[in-house]
C-alpha atoms as a PDB file:
ATOM      1  CA  MET A   1     -24.052  13.952 -83.038  1.00  0.00           C
ATOM      2  CA  GLN A   2     -24.535  14.724 -79.381  1.00  0.00           C
ATOM      3  CA  VAL A   3     -28.113  15.226 -78.181  1.00  0.00           C
ATOM      4  CA  GLY A   4     -27.363  18.708 -76.825  1.00  0.00           C
ATOM      5  CA  ALA A   5     -25.898  19.938 -80.086  1.00  0.00           C
ATOM      6  CA  SER A   6     -28.706  18.434 -82.191  1.00  0.00           C
ATOM      7  CA  TRP A   7     -31.316  20.312 -80.125  1.00  0.00           C
ATOM      8  CA  ASP A   8     -29.503  23.561 -79.408  1.00  0.00           C
ATOM      9  CA  LEU A   9     -28.562  24.504 -82.975  1.00  0.00           C
ATOM     10  CA  PRO A  10     -32.050  24.232 -84.541  1.00  0.00           C
ATOM     11  CA  SER A  11     -33.466  26.057 -81.523  1.00  0.00           C
ATOM     12  CA  PHE A  12     -30.893  28.830 -81.978  1.00  0.00           C
ATOM     13  CA  LEU A  13     -31.678  29.124 -85.701  1.00  0.00           C
ATOM     14  CA  VAL A  14     -35.355  29.612 -84.819  1.00  0.00           C
ATOM     15  CA  LEU A  15     -34.604  31.960 -81.925  1.00  0.00           C
ATOM     16  CA  THR A  16     -32.388  34.303 -83.962  1.00  0.00           C
ATOM     17  CA  PRO A  17     -34.947  35.527 -86.561  1.00  0.00           C
ATOM     18  CA  LEU A  18     -37.569  35.806 -83.813  1.00  0.00           C
ATOM     19  CA  THR A  19     -35.217  37.991 -81.797  1.00  0.00           C
ATOM     20  CA  ILE A  20     -34.434  40.135 -84.839  1.00  0.00           C
ATOM     21  CA  LEU A  21     -38.134  40.618 -85.588  1.00  0.00           C
ATOM     22  CA  GLY A  22     -38.852  41.409 -81.956  1.00  0.00           C
ATOM     23  CA  THR A  23     -36.038  43.956 -81.762  1.00  0.00           C
ATOM     24  CA  ARG A  24     -37.190  45.531 -85.017  1.00  0.00           C
ATOM     25  CA  ALA A  25     -40.730  45.801 -83.646  1.00  0.00           C
ATOM     26  CA  VAL A  26     -39.392  47.720 -80.642  1.00  0.00           C
ATOM     27  CA  LEU A  27     -37.003  49.988 -82.555  1.00  0.00           C
ATOM     28  CA  GLY A  28     -39.098  50.413 -85.687  1.00  0.00           C
ATOM     29  CA  GLU A  29     -38.132  50.159 -89.345  1.00  0.00           C
ATOM     30  CA  LEU A  30     -34.598  51.293 -90.093  1.00  0.00           C
ATOM     31  CA  ARG A  31     -32.994  52.433 -93.325  1.00  0.00           C
ATOM     32  CA  ALA A  32     -31.109  49.614 -95.044  1.00  0.00           C
ATOM     33  CA  GLY A  33     -27.352  49.893 -94.607  1.00  0.00           C
ATOM     34  CA  SER A  34     -27.588  52.553 -91.907  1.00  0.00           C
ATOM     35  CA  ASN A  35     -25.636  52.458 -88.673  1.00  0.00           C
ATOM     36  CA  LEU A  36     -28.941  52.033 -86.860  1.00  0.00           C
ATOM     37  CA  GLN A  37     -29.738  48.940 -88.898  1.00  0.00           C
ATOM     38  CA  PHE A  38     -26.347  47.458 -88.071  1.00  0.00           C
ATOM     39  CA  THR A  39     -26.940  48.334 -84.421  1.00  0.00           C
ATOM     40  CA  LEU A  40     -30.160  46.316 -84.678  1.00  0.00           C
ATOM     41  CA  LEU A  41     -28.115  43.338 -85.873  1.00  0.00           C
ATOM     42  CA  LEU A  42     -25.733  43.829 -82.965  1.00  0.00           C
ATOM     43  CA  ILE A  43     -28.542  43.815 -80.404  1.00  0.00           C
ATOM     44  CA  SER A  44     -30.437  40.944 -81.998  1.00  0.00           C
ATOM     45  CA  ALA A  45     -27.434  38.662 -82.507  1.00  0.00           C
ATOM     46  CA  THR A  46     -26.058  39.314 -79.026  1.00  0.00           C
ATOM     47  CA  LEU A  47     -29.441  38.723 -77.420  1.00  0.00           C
ATOM     48  CA  SER A  48     -30.006  35.527 -79.424  1.00  0.00           C
ATOM     49  CA  VAL A  49     -26.610  34.112 -78.475  1.00  0.00           C
ATOM     50  CA  PHE A  50     -27.076  35.129 -74.826  1.00  0.00           C
ATOM     51  CA  LEU A  51     -30.480  33.441 -74.566  1.00  0.00           C
ATOM     52  CA  ALA A  52     -29.343  30.308 -76.388  1.00  0.00           C
ATOM     53  CA  ARG A  53     -26.141  30.068 -74.390  1.00  0.00           C
ATOM     54  CA  LYS A  54     -27.875  30.538 -71.050  1.00  0.00           C
ATOM     55  CA  TYR A  55     -31.082  28.553 -71.502  1.00  0.00           C
ATOM     56  CA  LEU A  56     -30.161  25.933 -74.122  1.00  0.00           C
ATOM     57  CA  ASP A  57     -26.453  25.284 -73.480  1.00  0.00           C
ATOM     58  CA  LYS A  58     -26.575  26.162 -69.767  1.00  0.00           C
ATOM     59  CA  LYS A  59     -23.246  27.951 -70.159  1.00  0.00           C
ATOM     60  CA  SER A  60     -21.944  31.506 -69.838  1.00  0.00           C
ATOM     61  CA  MET A  61     -21.308  33.958 -72.664  1.00  0.00           C
ATOM     62  CA  SER A  62     -17.639  34.186 -71.684  1.00  0.00           C
ATOM     63  CA  SER A  63     -17.271  30.446 -72.330  1.00  0.00           C
ATOM     64  CA  LEU A  64     -17.696  31.177 -76.053  1.00  0.00           C
ATOM     65  CA  GLY A  65     -14.285  32.865 -76.009  1.00  0.00           C
ATOM     66  CA  LEU A  66     -15.058  36.260 -74.488  1.00  0.00           C
ATOM     67  CA  LYS A  67     -12.962  35.868 -71.366  1.00  0.00           C
ATOM     68  CA  TRP A  68     -10.977  39.012 -70.630  1.00  0.00           C
ATOM     69  CA  ASP A  69      -7.525  37.877 -69.544  1.00  0.00           C
ATOM     70  CA  ARG A  70      -3.944  39.052 -69.928  1.00  0.00           C
ATOM     71  CA  PHE A  71      -3.855  37.884 -73.547  1.00  0.00           C
ATOM     72  CA  ALA A  72      -7.009  39.678 -74.693  1.00  0.00           C
ATOM     73  CA  LEU A  73      -5.420  43.079 -75.367  1.00  0.00           C
ATOM     74  CA  LEU A  74      -2.439  41.461 -77.099  1.00  0.00           C
ATOM     75  CA  ASP A  75      -4.830  39.536 -79.350  1.00  0.00           C
ATOM     76  CA  ILE A  76      -6.749  42.717 -80.201  1.00  0.00           C
ATOM     77  CA  LEU A  77      -3.618  44.679 -81.128  1.00  0.00           C
ATOM     78  CA  PHE A  78      -2.004  41.758 -82.928  1.00  0.00           C
ATOM     79  CA  GLY A  79      -5.129  41.046 -84.969  1.00  0.00           C
ATOM     80  CA  ILE A  80      -5.502  44.625 -86.172  1.00  0.00           C
ATOM     81  CA  ILE A  81      -1.794  45.035 -86.989  1.00  0.00           C
ATOM     82  CA  ASN A  82      -1.684  41.694 -88.820  1.00  0.00           C
ATOM     83  CA  SER A  83      -4.602  42.624 -91.074  1.00  0.00           C
ATOM     84  CA  ALA A  84      -3.262  46.135 -91.637  1.00  0.00           C
ATOM     85  CA  LEU A  85       0.032  44.704 -92.924  1.00  0.00           C
ATOM     86  CA  VAL A  86      -1.708  42.109 -95.103  1.00  0.00           C
ATOM     87  CA  MET A  87      -4.026  44.685 -96.677  1.00  0.00           C
ATOM     88  CA  ALA A  88      -1.151  47.120 -97.233  1.00  0.00           C
ATOM     89  CA  GLY A  89       0.700  44.347 -99.059  1.00  0.00           C
ATOM     90  CA  MET A  90      -2.357  43.548-101.158  1.00  0.00           C
ATOM     91  CA  TYR A  91      -2.847  47.209-102.061  1.00  0.00           C
ATOM     92  CA  PHE A  92       0.752  47.838-103.136  1.00  0.00           C
ATOM     93  CA  VAL A  93       0.986  44.600-105.135  1.00  0.00           C
ATOM     94  CA  LEU A  94      -2.168  45.486-107.092  1.00  0.00           C
ATOM     95  CA  LEU A  95      -0.913  49.054-107.538  1.00  0.00           C
ATOM     96  CA  TRP A  96       2.527  47.873-108.699  1.00  0.00           C
ATOM     97  CA  THR A  97       0.989  45.436-111.189  1.00  0.00           C
ATOM     98  CA  ASN A  98      -1.365  48.140-112.555  1.00  0.00           C
ATOM     99  CA  LEU A  99      -4.482  46.262-111.465  1.00  0.00           C
ATOM    100  CA  ILE A 100      -5.768  49.289-109.567  1.00  0.00           C
ATOM    101  CA  GLU A 101      -5.386  53.000-110.261  1.00  0.00           C
ATOM    102  CA  PHE A 102      -4.602  55.487-107.498  1.00  0.00           C
ATOM    103  CA  GLU A 103      -6.899  58.505-107.787  1.00  0.00           C
ATOM    104  CA  GLY A 104      -5.917  60.570-104.761  1.00  0.00           C
ATOM    105  CA  LEU A 105      -6.518  60.909-101.048  1.00  0.00           C
ATOM    106  CA  ALA A 106     -10.225  61.102-100.341  1.00  0.00           C
ATOM    107  CA  TRP A 107      -9.991  61.631 -96.538  1.00  0.00           C
ATOM    108  CA  TRP A 108     -13.181  59.618 -95.919  1.00  0.00           C
ATOM    109  CA  MET A 109     -15.408  62.178 -97.662  1.00  0.00           C
ATOM    110  CA  ASP A 110     -18.302  60.989 -99.844  1.00  0.00           C
ATOM    111  CA  SER A 111     -17.525  63.561-102.540  1.00  0.00           C
ATOM    112  CA  PRO A 112     -13.780  64.024-102.161  1.00  0.00           C
ATOM    113  CA  ASP A 113     -11.887  67.069-103.272  1.00  0.00           C
ATOM    114  CA  PHE A 114      -8.443  65.569-103.663  1.00  0.00           C
ATOM    115  CA  SER A 115      -6.727  68.938-103.676  1.00  0.00           C
ATOM    116  CA  ALA A 116      -8.249  70.001-100.353  1.00  0.00           C
ATOM    117  CA  GLY A 117      -6.171  67.741 -98.122  1.00  0.00           C
ATOM    118  CA  PHE A 118      -7.053  66.575 -94.637  1.00  0.00           C
ATOM    119  CA  GLN A 119     -10.051  68.134 -92.880  1.00  0.00           C
ATOM    120  CA  LEU A 120     -11.079  67.644 -89.262  1.00  0.00           C
ATOM    121  CA  ALA A 121     -14.659  67.228 -90.484  1.00  0.00           C
ATOM    122  CA  ALA A 122     -13.604  63.909 -92.004  1.00  0.00           C
ATOM    123  CA  LEU A 123     -12.784  62.327 -88.636  1.00  0.00           C
ATOM    124  CA  PRO A 124     -16.406  61.738 -87.540  1.00  0.00           C
ATOM    125  CA  ILE A 125     -16.996  59.981 -90.873  1.00  0.00           C
ATOM    126  CA  ALA A 126     -13.964  57.753 -90.320  1.00  0.00           C
ATOM    127  CA  PHE A 127     -15.153  56.883 -86.806  1.00  0.00           C
ATOM    128  CA  ALA A 128     -18.658  56.160 -88.134  1.00  0.00           C
ATOM    129  CA  VAL A 129     -17.162  53.710 -90.663  1.00  0.00           C
ATOM    130  CA  LEU A 130     -15.100  52.091 -87.893  1.00  0.00           C
ATOM    131  CA  TYR A 131     -18.226  51.803 -85.732  1.00  0.00           C
ATOM    132  CA  LYS A 132     -20.153  50.070 -88.525  1.00  0.00           C
ATOM    133  CA  PHE A 133     -17.342  47.589 -89.177  1.00  0.00           C
ATOM    134  CA  THR A 134     -17.018  46.898 -85.439  1.00  0.00           C
ATOM    135  CA  ILE A 135     -20.713  46.050 -85.209  1.00  0.00           C
ATOM    136  CA  VAL A 136     -20.588  43.766 -88.244  1.00  0.00           C
ATOM    137  CA  VAL A 137     -17.507  41.972 -86.955  1.00  0.00           C
ATOM    138  CA  TRP A 138     -18.977  41.525 -83.475  1.00  0.00           C
ATOM    139  CA  TRP A 139     -22.169  39.804 -84.593  1.00  0.00           C
ATOM    140  CA  GLU A 140     -20.572  37.757 -87.382  1.00  0.00           C
ATOM    141  CA  GLU A 141     -17.830  36.391 -85.130  1.00  0.00           C
ATOM    142  CA  LEU A 142     -20.149  35.899 -82.160  1.00  0.00           C
ATOM    143  CA  VAL A 143     -22.545  33.862 -84.296  1.00  0.00           C
ATOM    144  CA  PHE A 144     -20.219  32.061 -86.741  1.00  0.00           C
ATOM    145  CA  ARG A 145     -16.914  31.493 -84.899  1.00  0.00           C
ATOM    146  CA  GLY A 146     -18.750  31.650 -81.592  1.00  0.00           C
ATOM    147  CA  TYR A 147     -22.075  29.917 -81.188  1.00  0.00           C
ATOM    148  CA  LEU A 148     -22.505  27.973 -84.438  1.00  0.00           C
ATOM    149  CA  MET A 149     -18.955  26.724 -84.896  1.00  0.00           C
ATOM    150  CA  GLN A 150     -18.384  25.750 -81.287  1.00  0.00           C
ATOM    151  CA  ASN A 151     -21.664  23.859 -81.017  1.00  0.00           C
ATOM    152  CA  LEU A 152     -21.082  22.136 -84.345  1.00  0.00           C
ATOM    153  CA  ILE A 153     -17.615  20.996 -83.261  1.00  0.00           C
ATOM    154  CA  SER A 154     -19.149  19.227 -80.278  1.00  0.00           C
ATOM    155  CA  GLY A 155     -21.696  17.572 -82.574  1.00  0.00           C
ATOM    156  CA  ILE A 156     -20.011  16.668 -85.873  1.00  0.00           C
ATOM    157  CA  GLY A 157     -16.312  17.198 -85.249  1.00  0.00           C
ATOM    158  CA  LEU A 158     -13.724  19.757 -86.311  1.00  0.00           C
ATOM    159  CA  MET A 159     -13.154  18.933 -89.990  1.00  0.00           C
ATOM    160  CA  TRP A 160     -16.808  18.901 -90.976  1.00  0.00           C
ATOM    161  CA  THR A 161     -17.420  22.063 -88.935  1.00  0.00           C
ATOM    162  CA  VAL A 162     -14.575  23.965 -90.614  1.00  0.00           C
ATOM    163  CA  THR A 163     -15.794  22.885 -94.059  1.00  0.00           C
ATOM    164  CA  ILE A 164     -19.471  23.679 -93.469  1.00  0.00           C
ATOM    165  CA  THR A 165     -19.036  27.031 -91.673  1.00  0.00           C
ATOM    166  CA  SER A 166     -16.486  28.253 -94.239  1.00  0.00           C
ATOM    167  CA  LEU A 167     -18.755  27.361 -97.163  1.00  0.00           C
ATOM    168  CA  VAL A 168     -21.810  28.906 -95.479  1.00  0.00           C
ATOM    169  CA  PHE A 169     -19.875  32.095 -94.726  1.00  0.00           C
ATOM    170  CA  GLY A 170     -18.800  32.298 -98.365  1.00  0.00           C
ATOM    171  CA  PHE A 171     -22.354  31.571 -99.523  1.00  0.00           C
ATOM    172  CA  ILE A 172     -24.002  34.349 -97.502  1.00  0.00           C
ATOM    173  CA  HIS A 173     -21.541  36.830 -99.037  1.00  0.00           C
ATOM    174  CA  SER A 174     -22.632  35.706-102.513  1.00  0.00           C
ATOM    175  CA  PHE A 175     -25.681  37.955-102.114  1.00  0.00           C
ATOM    176  CA  ASN A 176     -23.480  41.061-101.809  1.00  0.00           C
ATOM    177  CA  PRO A 177     -23.107  43.533-104.691  1.00  0.00           C
ATOM    178  CA  ASP A 178     -20.768  42.392-107.522  1.00  0.00           C
ATOM    179  CA  ALA A 179     -20.345  38.947-105.960  1.00  0.00           C
ATOM    180  CA  THR A 180     -19.221  36.079-108.184  1.00  0.00           C
ATOM    181  CA  PHE A 181     -18.686  32.368-107.743  1.00  0.00           C
ATOM    182  CA  LEU A 182     -14.967  33.089-107.353  1.00  0.00           C
ATOM    183  CA  SER A 183     -15.548  35.710-104.647  1.00  0.00           C
ATOM    184  CA  GLY A 184     -17.679  33.218-102.697  1.00  0.00           C
ATOM    185  CA  VAL A 185     -14.918  30.613-102.860  1.00  0.00           C
ATOM    186  CA  LEU A 186     -12.307  33.180-101.831  1.00  0.00           C
ATOM    187  CA  ILE A 187     -14.389  34.357 -98.863  1.00  0.00           C
ATOM    188  CA  ALA A 188     -14.628  30.722 -97.732  1.00  0.00           C
ATOM    189  CA  LEU A 189     -10.828  30.422 -97.956  1.00  0.00           C
ATOM    190  CA  ILE A 190     -10.261  33.748 -96.179  1.00  0.00           C
ATOM    191  CA  THR A 191     -12.499  32.518 -93.360  1.00  0.00           C
ATOM    192  CA  LEU A 192      -9.923  29.840 -92.518  1.00  0.00           C
ATOM    193  CA  GLN A 193      -7.670  32.427 -90.886  1.00  0.00           C
ATOM    194  CA  LEU A 194     -10.484  33.439 -88.521  1.00  0.00           C
ATOM    195  CA  ILE A 195     -11.196  29.815 -87.614  1.00  0.00           C
ATOM    196  CA  TYR A 196      -7.495  29.136 -87.095  1.00  0.00           C
ATOM    197  CA  ALA A 197      -7.167  32.202 -84.869  1.00  0.00           C
ATOM    198  CA  TYR A 198      -9.950  30.892 -82.629  1.00  0.00           C
ATOM    199  CA  LEU A 199      -8.537  27.370 -82.526  1.00  0.00           C
ATOM    200  CA  LYS A 200      -5.061  28.686 -81.618  1.00  0.00           C
ATOM    201  CA  THR A 201      -6.267  30.929 -78.797  1.00  0.00           C
ATOM    202  CA  GLY A 202      -9.586  29.451 -77.651  1.00  0.00           C
ATOM    203  CA  GLN A 203     -10.877  33.029 -77.592  1.00  0.00           C
ATOM    204  CA  LEU A 204     -12.800  35.262 -80.034  1.00  0.00           C
ATOM    205  CA  TRP A 205     -10.696  38.405 -79.539  1.00  0.00           C
ATOM    206  CA  LEU A 206      -8.108  37.512 -82.184  1.00  0.00           C
ATOM    207  CA  PRO A 207     -10.581  36.473 -84.938  1.00  0.00           C
ATOM    208  CA  MET A 208     -12.744  39.507 -84.156  1.00  0.00           C
ATOM    209  CA  ASP A 209      -9.879  41.946 -84.549  1.00  0.00           C
ATOM    210  CA  LEU A 210      -8.336  40.186 -87.514  1.00  0.00           C
ATOM    211  CA  HIS A 211     -11.756  40.606 -89.113  1.00  0.00           C
ATOM    212  CA  LEU A 212     -12.081  44.234 -87.978  1.00  0.00           C
ATOM    213  CA  GLY A 213      -8.606  45.196 -89.157  1.00  0.00           C
ATOM    214  CA  TRP A 214      -9.160  43.359 -92.447  1.00  0.00           C
ATOM    215  CA  ASN A 215     -12.430  45.190 -93.214  1.00  0.00           C
ATOM    216  CA  PHE A 216     -11.338  48.611 -91.983  1.00  0.00           C
ATOM    217  CA  PHE A 217      -7.958  48.772 -93.705  1.00  0.00           C
ATOM    218  CA  GLN A 218      -9.292  47.122 -96.855  1.00  0.00           C
ATOM    219  CA  SER A 219     -12.162  49.557 -97.264  1.00  0.00           C
ATOM    220  CA  ALA A 220     -11.734  52.651 -95.092  1.00  0.00           C
ATOM    221  CA  VAL A 221      -7.986  53.057 -95.640  1.00  0.00           C
ATOM    222  CA  PHE A 222      -6.976  51.482 -98.950  1.00  0.00           C
ATOM    223  CA  GLY A 223     -10.214  52.187-100.800  1.00  0.00           C
ATOM    224  CA  PHE A 224     -11.333  48.698-101.832  1.00  0.00           C
ATOM    225  CA  ALA A 225     -14.965  47.728-101.608  1.00  0.00           C
ATOM    226  CA  SER A 226     -15.533  45.474 -98.606  1.00  0.00           C
ATOM    227  CA  SER A 227     -17.235  42.372 -99.995  1.00  0.00           C
ATOM    228  CA  GLY A 228     -18.886  44.527-102.652  1.00  0.00           C
ATOM    229  CA  ARG A 229     -19.913  47.358-100.317  1.00  0.00           C
ATOM    230  CA  GLU A 230     -18.353  50.784-100.783  1.00  0.00           C
ATOM    231  CA  SER A 231     -17.544  53.116 -97.896  1.00  0.00           C
ATOM    232  CA  PRO A 232     -15.753  56.443 -97.433  1.00  0.00           C
ATOM    233  CA  SER A 233     -11.997  55.873 -97.457  1.00  0.00           C
ATOM    234  CA  LEU A 234      -8.651  57.561 -96.983  1.00  0.00           C
ATOM    235  CA  ILE A 235      -7.390  56.480-100.413  1.00  0.00           C
ATOM    236  CA  ALA A 236      -9.460  56.737-103.566  1.00  0.00           C
ATOM    237  CA  GLN A 237      -8.645  54.059-106.159  1.00  0.00           C
ATOM    238  CA  SER A 238     -10.423  51.965-108.749  1.00  0.00           C
ATOM    239  CA  PRO A 239      -9.823  48.550-110.366  1.00  0.00           C
ATOM    240  CA  VAL A 240      -8.543  48.628-113.932  1.00  0.00           C
ATOM    241  CA  GLY A 241      -7.626  45.008-114.573  1.00  0.00           C
ATOM    242  CA  VAL A 242      -9.706  41.893-115.077  1.00  0.00           C
ATOM    243  CA  ASP A 243     -11.957  41.232-112.101  1.00  0.00           C
ATOM    244  CA  TRP A 244     -10.433  37.897-111.074  1.00  0.00           C
ATOM    245  CA  LEU A 245      -7.086  39.667-110.598  1.00  0.00           C
ATOM    246  CA  SER A 246      -8.099  43.197-109.551  1.00  0.00           C
ATOM    247  CA  GLY A 247     -11.113  42.131-107.511  1.00  0.00           C
ATOM    248  CA  GLY A 248     -13.419  44.352-109.557  1.00  0.00           C
ATOM    249  CA  GLY A 249     -16.365  45.898-107.781  1.00  0.00           C
ATOM    250  CA  PHE A 250     -16.276  43.239-105.048  1.00  0.00           C
ATOM    251  CA  GLY A 251     -12.946  44.516-103.740  1.00  0.00           C
ATOM    252  CA  ALA A 252      -9.688  42.842-102.762  1.00  0.00           C
ATOM    253  CA  GLU A 253     -11.539  39.704-101.625  1.00  0.00           C
ATOM    254  CA  GLY A 254     -12.612  39.113-105.220  1.00  0.00           C
ATOM    255  CA  SER A 255      -8.993  38.848-106.440  1.00  0.00           C
ATOM    256  CA  ILE A 256      -7.223  35.506-106.651  1.00  0.00           C
ATOM    257  CA  LEU A 257      -4.143  37.326-105.355  1.00  0.00           C
ATOM    258  CA  ILE A 258      -5.754  37.456-101.914  1.00  0.00           C
ATOM    259  CA  VAL A 259      -4.941  33.737-101.484  1.00  0.00           C
ATOM    260  CA  PRO A 260      -1.168  34.103-100.868  1.00  0.00           C
ATOM    261  CA  PHE A 261      -1.872  37.015 -98.518  1.00  0.00           C
ATOM    262  CA  THR A 262      -4.332  34.850 -96.590  1.00  0.00           C
ATOM    263  CA  MET A 263      -1.655  32.153 -96.346  1.00  0.00           C
ATOM    264  CA  LEU A 264       0.774  34.798 -95.092  1.00  0.00           C
ATOM    265  CA  SER A 265      -1.778  35.837 -92.480  1.00  0.00           C
ATOM    266  CA  LEU A 266      -2.080  32.214 -91.300  1.00  0.00           C
ATOM    267  CA  VAL A 267       1.691  32.017 -90.851  1.00  0.00           C
ATOM    268  CA  ILE A 268       1.758  35.310 -88.934  1.00  0.00           C
ATOM    269  CA  ILE A 269      -1.102  34.100 -86.715  1.00  0.00           C
ATOM    270  CA  HIS A 270       0.695  30.840 -85.986  1.00  0.00           C
ATOM    271  CA  TYR A 271       3.970  32.419 -84.890  1.00  0.00           C
ATOM    272  CA  GLY A 272       2.367  35.512 -83.370  1.00  0.00           C
ATOM    273  CA  VAL A 273       0.160  33.486 -81.035  1.00  0.00           C
ATOM    274  CA  ARG A 274       3.080  31.274 -80.064  1.00  0.00           C
ATOM    275  CA  LEU A 275       5.109  34.384 -79.240  1.00  0.00           C
ATOM    276  CA  THR A 276       2.418  36.146 -77.214  1.00  0.00           C
ATOM    277  CA  ARG A 277       1.605  32.967 -75.240  1.00  0.00           C
ATOM    278  CA  GLN A 278       5.164  32.721 -73.944  1.00  0.00           C
ATOM    279  CA  PRO A 279       5.832  33.567 -70.276  1.00  0.00           C
ATOM    280  CA  LYS A 280       6.086  37.336 -69.717  1.00  0.00           C
ATOM    281  CA  GLN A 281       9.843  37.351 -69.126  1.00  0.00           C
ATOM    282  CA  LYS A 282      10.581  35.318 -72.262  1.00  0.00           C
ATOM    283  CA  PHE A 283       8.111  37.354 -74.348  1.00  0.00           C
ATOM    284  CA  PHE A 284       9.662  40.708 -73.485  1.00  0.00           C
ATOM    285  CA  ALA A 285      13.170  39.319 -73.889  1.00  0.00           C
ATOM    286  CA  THR A 286      12.220  38.094 -77.388  1.00  0.00           C
ATOM    287  CA  VAL A 287      10.649  41.433 -78.359  1.00  0.00           C
ATOM    288  CA  VAL A 288      13.551  43.510 -77.020  1.00  0.00           C
END
């Protein structure tokens, strides 16, 4: 292991909780699960990574994969669309196999009246859900696929880094509601698409928006719990099959059927990145 990596990572792991506690002391106690609490995580994680990157690594934040170039917007759009298609496929397969039951259109309301139809009052709720998912995705990707993974690669190599960070990411989700051993393993496998997206692009935009699209369409559109956490959604549905197939209370990520959809996502990422990285003239000629 390189000397820099062996010193920087422990220092970062000490710095992060100190930054969180310091930010909490300034902002005060926040209700668990609230948007303000997630905003606290955003501030704390970003500040921790910034300080560690600048004073321990002696590098810029953009060097983590936050460079805004001509591919950034393509990565953002591609990531969201990819995950939307994957989650739509997952939803309709579970619906077709009677593993979930469609209950109506909830329109993001906490107490839905399915006969009422769309209401403009639901839009702020939908945007609030999107905001929360955006915050979660930002700090998770910045820390896991950003600082930790990239420093570990320089210290212990790619294979060990992929194995360790995937297992750790699955483990931390084992504390979520309705988590099982299977859901932890599946989260670790799902994480591979985020790692692959970073390795293919060298930037965090694609893994961030794969993650954002995955969470938002899974939970806020198709009505699954997101890693065991419920949120207002467009579609109201409930699992009716055995948990290892339907996902149960953990959501789509608790179903073994998520594995082929994750593999499909990896294939889409591979060819999508290759397409978008072509010269402009060739890219547009291919699309048209």
